[in-house]
Amino acid sequence: MSTGAGSRRTGPANLNAMAAQEIRRRVFSGRLRAGAKIDQDALAGELGISKLPVREALITLDHEGVVEHIARRGAFVARLTRDDIRDHYRVFGVVSGLAAEHAAKNLTPGSLQALEDLVDRMGQEADPAELERLNFEFHRRINHASDSRRLISILAILVKTVSHGFYEAHADWPDKAAEDHRRILKALSTRSAARARSLVEKHFSDGGERAVALLEKQGFWEH
């Protein structure tokens, strides 16, 4: 249920972002469990990059609360609680919901048609990576239609903290997301601002519950 990845660029900043996103993906998919030490050398080797962007990524993730640095021991996956995961998605949902509320008043007929086309394409797509891309574009268009520089700025920061690969990790999510997107689109089309906001918030909140369920299944909190 990612709301976005930007265009791929080369350069140190992009390498840092790539490393951070890969660590997030491993944490939120349950591949890296709470308390696990992150092997910086191994990760750098797997990604084909130097250790520097990995170290920079770990600093970013420490600020996000995903990673914890322990003096003279290294970087470890933070012991996130179930509510930490839920809140991670709820915060994104609240801001995205505000953007949708504004967008309901601003979207042009052409923009609404573009959103409908995206929803139709997602309904016919089976490839998780392409579903992820189309999902990102759907939410990106709504966010930008808010015409709120402040909300777009906040979302640009938040989007970096959400793990990609939701469609791949959650096998039942595409059908749920398709239903949600149809309802959101209907609310936007009828200019039902409050309903659009509520639906978007619930869409993200449900994503958080699914993330918790997946981590539970994979033994993320088992000791």
Protein backbone atom coordinates (compact mmCIF):
# COMPACT_ATOMS: atom_id res chain seq x y z
CA MET A 1 0.00 0.00 0.00
CA SER A 2 2.89 2.17 -0.60
CA THR A 3 2.13 5.74 -1.53
CA GLY A 4 5.18 6.22 -3.46
CA ALA A 5 8.61 5.91 -4.75
CA GLY A 6 10.09 8.72 -6.69
CA SER A 7 12.02 8.44 -9.92
CA ARG A 8 15.25 6.51 -9.76
CA ARG A 9 18.34 8.69 -9.68
CA THR A 10 22.00 8.03 -9.21
CA GLY A 11 24.11 9.70 -6.55
CA PRO A 12 24.83 9.42 -2.82
CA ALA A 13 21.43 10.66 -1.66
CA ASN A 14 19.64 8.09 -3.79
CA LEU A 15 21.92 5.29 -2.58
CA ASN A 16 21.15 6.27 1.00
CA ALA A 17 17.43 6.23 0.23
CA MET A 18 17.68 2.88 -1.54
CA ALA A 19 19.48 1.31 1.40
CA ALA A 20 16.98 2.77 3.88
CA GLN A 21 14.04 1.51 1.86
CA GLU A 22 15.51 -1.98 1.62
CA ILE A 23 16.04 -2.14 5.39
CA ARG A 24 12.47 -0.88 5.96
CA ARG A 25 11.17 -3.52 3.56
CA ARG A 26 13.01 -6.27 5.41
CA VAL A 27 11.80 -5.05 8.79
CA PHE A 28 8.15 -4.55 7.83
CA SER A 29 8.02 -7.83 5.93
CA GLY A 30 9.37 -9.66 8.98
CA ARG A 31 12.62 -10.67 7.33
CA LEU A 32 14.54 -8.66 9.93
CA ARG A 33 13.09 -9.19 13.37
CA ALA A 34 13.04 -7.04 16.46
CA GLY A 35 16.42 -7.04 18.19
CA ALA A 36 18.27 -8.45 15.16
CA LYS A 37 21.66 -6.93 14.42
CA ILE A 38 21.97 -5.41 10.98
CA ASP A 39 25.05 -6.68 9.17
CA GLN A 40 26.20 -3.56 7.35
CA ASP A 41 28.90 -5.34 5.33
CA ALA A 42 26.52 -8.02 4.13
CA LEU A 43 23.80 -5.54 3.25
CA ALA A 44 26.21 -3.32 1.33
CA GLY A 45 27.43 -6.35 -0.59
CA GLU A 46 23.91 -7.51 -1.42
CA LEU A 47 22.96 -4.05 -2.68
CA GLY A 48 26.23 -3.59 -4.57
CA ILE A 49 27.08 -0.36 -2.79
CA SER A 50 29.68 0.85 -0.29
CA LYS A 51 29.14 0.84 3.47
CA LEU A 52 28.79 4.64 3.63
CA PRO A 53 25.23 4.87 2.24
CA VAL A 54 24.24 1.94 4.47
CA ARG A 55 25.57 3.79 7.51
CA GLU A 56 23.74 6.96 6.44
CA ALA A 57 20.55 4.95 5.94
CA LEU A 58 20.83 3.50 9.44
CA ILE A 59 21.13 7.01 10.89
CA THR A 60 17.92 7.98 9.07
CA LEU A 61 16.15 4.86 10.31
CA ASP A 62 17.33 5.53 13.85
CA HIS A 63 15.58 8.92 13.68
CA GLU A 64 12.44 7.15 12.44
CA GLY A 65 12.55 4.70 15.34
CA VAL A 66 13.00 1.66 13.08
CA VAL A 67 16.64 1.08 14.05
CA GLU A 68 18.42 1.46 17.36
CA HIS A 69 22.14 2.16 17.66
CA ILE A 70 23.89 0.62 20.66
CA ALA A 71 27.30 2.02 21.51
CA ARG A 72 30.21 -0.24 20.50
CA ARG A 73 27.78 -2.96 19.41
CA GLY A 74 26.22 -1.68 16.19
CA ALA A 75 22.76 -1.13 14.73
CA PHE A 76 19.80 -3.31 15.68
CA VAL A 77 16.18 -3.50 14.59
CA ALA A 78 14.20 -1.52 17.17
CA ARG A 79 11.77 -3.45 19.32
CA LEU A 80 8.68 -2.03 17.67
CA THR A 81 5.37 -2.77 19.32
CA ARG A 82 2.18 -3.65 17.50
CA ASP A 83 0.89 -0.15 18.19
CA ASP A 84 4.08 1.32 16.73
CA ILE A 85 3.25 -0.41 13.46
CA ARG A 86 -0.40 0.66 13.60
CA ASP A 87 0.55 4.27 14.39
CA HIS A 88 3.06 4.24 11.53
CA TYR A 89 0.20 3.73 9.08
CA ARG A 90 -2.40 5.79 10.92
CA VAL A 91 -0.26 8.93 10.85
CA PHE A 92 0.14 8.56 7.09
CA GLY A 93 -3.60 7.99 6.80
CA VAL A 94 -4.51 11.13 8.73
CA VAL A 95 -2.39 13.37 6.50
CA SER A 96 -3.45 11.57 3.32
CA GLY A 97 -7.06 11.87 4.45
CA LEU A 98 -6.70 15.64 4.79
CA ALA A 99 -5.25 15.75 1.28
CA ALA A 100 -8.19 13.72 -0.05
CA GLU A 101 -10.64 16.07 1.67
CA HIS A 102 -9.14 19.01 -0.18
CA ALA A 103 -8.85 17.04 -3.43
CA ALA A 104 -12.58 16.28 -3.43
CA LYS A 105 -13.19 19.99 -3.96
CA ASN A 106 -10.41 20.51 -6.52
CA LEU A 107 -10.27 17.52 -8.86
CA THR A 108 -11.23 18.35 -12.44
CA PRO A 109 -13.31 15.96 -14.58
CA GLY A 110 -10.11 15.08 -16.44
CA SER A 111 -8.29 14.29 -13.21
CA LEU A 112 -11.15 12.13 -11.99
CA GLN A 113 -11.11 10.22 -15.26
CA ALA A 114 -7.37 9.66 -14.87
CA LEU A 115 -7.98 8.21 -11.41
CA GLU A 116 -10.71 5.95 -12.77
CA ASP A 117 -8.35 4.74 -15.50
CA LEU A 118 -5.74 3.90 -12.87
CA VAL A 119 -8.27 1.95 -10.80
CA ASP A 120 -9.34 0.03 -13.92
CA ARG A 121 -5.73 -0.80 -14.78
CA MET A 122 -5.09 -2.02 -11.25
CA GLY A 123 -8.10 -4.29 -11.53
CA GLN A 124 -6.56 -5.97 -14.57
CA GLU A 125 -2.96 -6.11 -13.34
CA ALA A 126 -1.40 -9.17 -11.71
CA ASP A 127 2.22 -8.12 -11.32
CA PRO A 128 2.83 -6.91 -7.72
CA ALA A 129 5.51 -4.42 -8.76
CA GLU A 130 3.24 -2.81 -11.35
CA LEU A 131 0.35 -2.78 -8.87
CA GLU A 132 2.64 -0.98 -6.44
CA ARG A 133 3.50 1.61 -9.09
CA LEU A 134 -0.13 2.17 -10.08
CA ASN A 135 -1.13 2.43 -6.42
CA PHE A 136 1.53 5.05 -5.86
CA GLU A 137 0.29 7.03 -8.84
CA PHE A 138 -3.32 6.86 -7.63
CA HIS A 139 -2.46 8.30 -4.23
CA ARG A 140 0.06 10.77 -5.67
CA ARG A 141 -2.57 12.30 -7.92
CA ILE A 142 -5.00 12.69 -5.03
CA ASN A 143 -2.34 14.21 -2.79
CA HIS A 144 -1.29 16.77 -5.37
CA ALA A 145 -4.92 17.62 -6.13
CA SER A 146 -5.16 18.87 -2.55
CA ASP A 147 -3.30 21.95 -3.77
CA SER A 148 -1.87 22.26 -0.27
CA ARG A 149 1.86 22.91 -0.27
CA ARG A 150 2.04 22.10 3.43
CA LEU A 151 0.31 18.73 3.15
CA ILE A 152 2.31 17.77 0.07
CA SER A 153 5.51 18.70 1.88
CA ILE A 154 4.61 16.58 4.92
CA LEU A 155 3.59 13.65 2.71
CA ALA A 156 6.89 13.88 0.83
CA ILE A 157 8.64 13.25 4.16
CA LEU A 158 6.24 10.56 5.35
CA VAL A 159 6.32 8.64 2.07
CA LYS A 160 9.99 7.89 2.61
CA THR A 161 9.17 6.06 5.83
CA VAL A 162 6.64 3.63 4.35
CA SER A 163 7.93 0.28 3.21
CA HIS A 164 7.40 -0.71 -0.40
CA GLY A 165 6.39 -4.21 -1.42
CA PHE A 166 2.98 -4.21 0.26
CA TYR A 167 1.30 -5.88 -2.71
CA GLU A 168 3.95 -8.58 -2.73
CA ALA A 169 3.94 -9.22 1.02
CA HIS A 170 0.16 -9.22 1.50
CA ALA A 171 -1.45 -11.66 -0.93
CA ASP A 172 -4.99 -10.62 -0.04
CA TRP A 173 -4.34 -6.88 -0.27
CA PRO A 174 -4.98 -6.29 -4.02
CA ASP A 175 -8.67 -7.22 -3.76
CA LYS A 176 -9.12 -5.16 -0.60
CA ALA A 177 -7.25 -2.20 -2.10
CA ALA A 178 -9.32 -2.35 -5.30
CA GLU A 179 -12.52 -2.12 -3.28
CA ASP A 180 -11.13 0.73 -1.19
CA HIS A 181 -9.96 2.65 -4.25
CA ARG A 182 -13.38 2.36 -5.87
CA ARG A 183 -15.04 3.77 -2.76
CA ILE A 184 -12.51 6.58 -2.47
CA LEU A 185 -12.97 7.43 -6.14
CA LYS A 186 -16.75 7.53 -5.75
CA ALA A 187 -16.46 9.90 -2.78
CA LEU A 188 -14.13 12.15 -4.75
CA SER A 189 -16.40 12.07 -7.81
CA THR A 190 -19.43 13.12 -5.75
CA ARG A 191 -17.40 15.83 -3.99
CA SER A 192 -18.02 14.11 -0.66
CA ALA A 193 -14.99 15.61 1.06
CA ALA A 194 -15.59 14.28 4.56
CA ARG A 195 -16.28 10.77 3.27
CA ALA A 196 -13.16 10.83 1.07
CA ARG A 197 -11.11 11.77 4.09
CA SER A 198 -12.67 9.02 6.24
CA LEU A 199 -12.20 6.34 3.56
CA VAL A 200 -8.55 7.22 3.00
CA GLU A 201 -7.83 7.17 6.74
CA LYS A 202 -9.46 3.75 7.05
CA HIS A 203 -7.59 2.48 3.99
CA PHE A 204 -4.28 3.19 5.69
CA SER A 205 -5.46 2.02 9.09
CA ASP A 206 -6.51 -1.30 7.56
CA GLY A 207 -3.08 -1.52 5.97
CA GLY A 208 -1.54 -1.17 9.39
CA GLU A 209 -3.68 -3.99 10.75
CA ARG A 210 -2.61 -6.22 7.89
CA ALA A 211 1.02 -5.35 8.51
CA VAL A 212 0.65 -6.33 12.17
CA ALA A 213 -1.07 -9.60 11.20
CA LEU A 214 1.72 -10.46 8.77
CA LEU A 215 4.42 -9.76 11.34
CA GLU A 216 2.51 -11.83 13.89
CA LYS A 217 2.37 -14.72 11.43
CA GLN A 218 6.09 -14.49 10.79
CA GLY A 219 6.92 -14.49 14.51
CA PHE A 220 8.22 -10.93 14.62
CA TRP A 221 7.43 -10.60 18.31
CA GLU A 222 8.44 -14.09 19.37
CA HIS A 223 11.44 -14.31 21.67
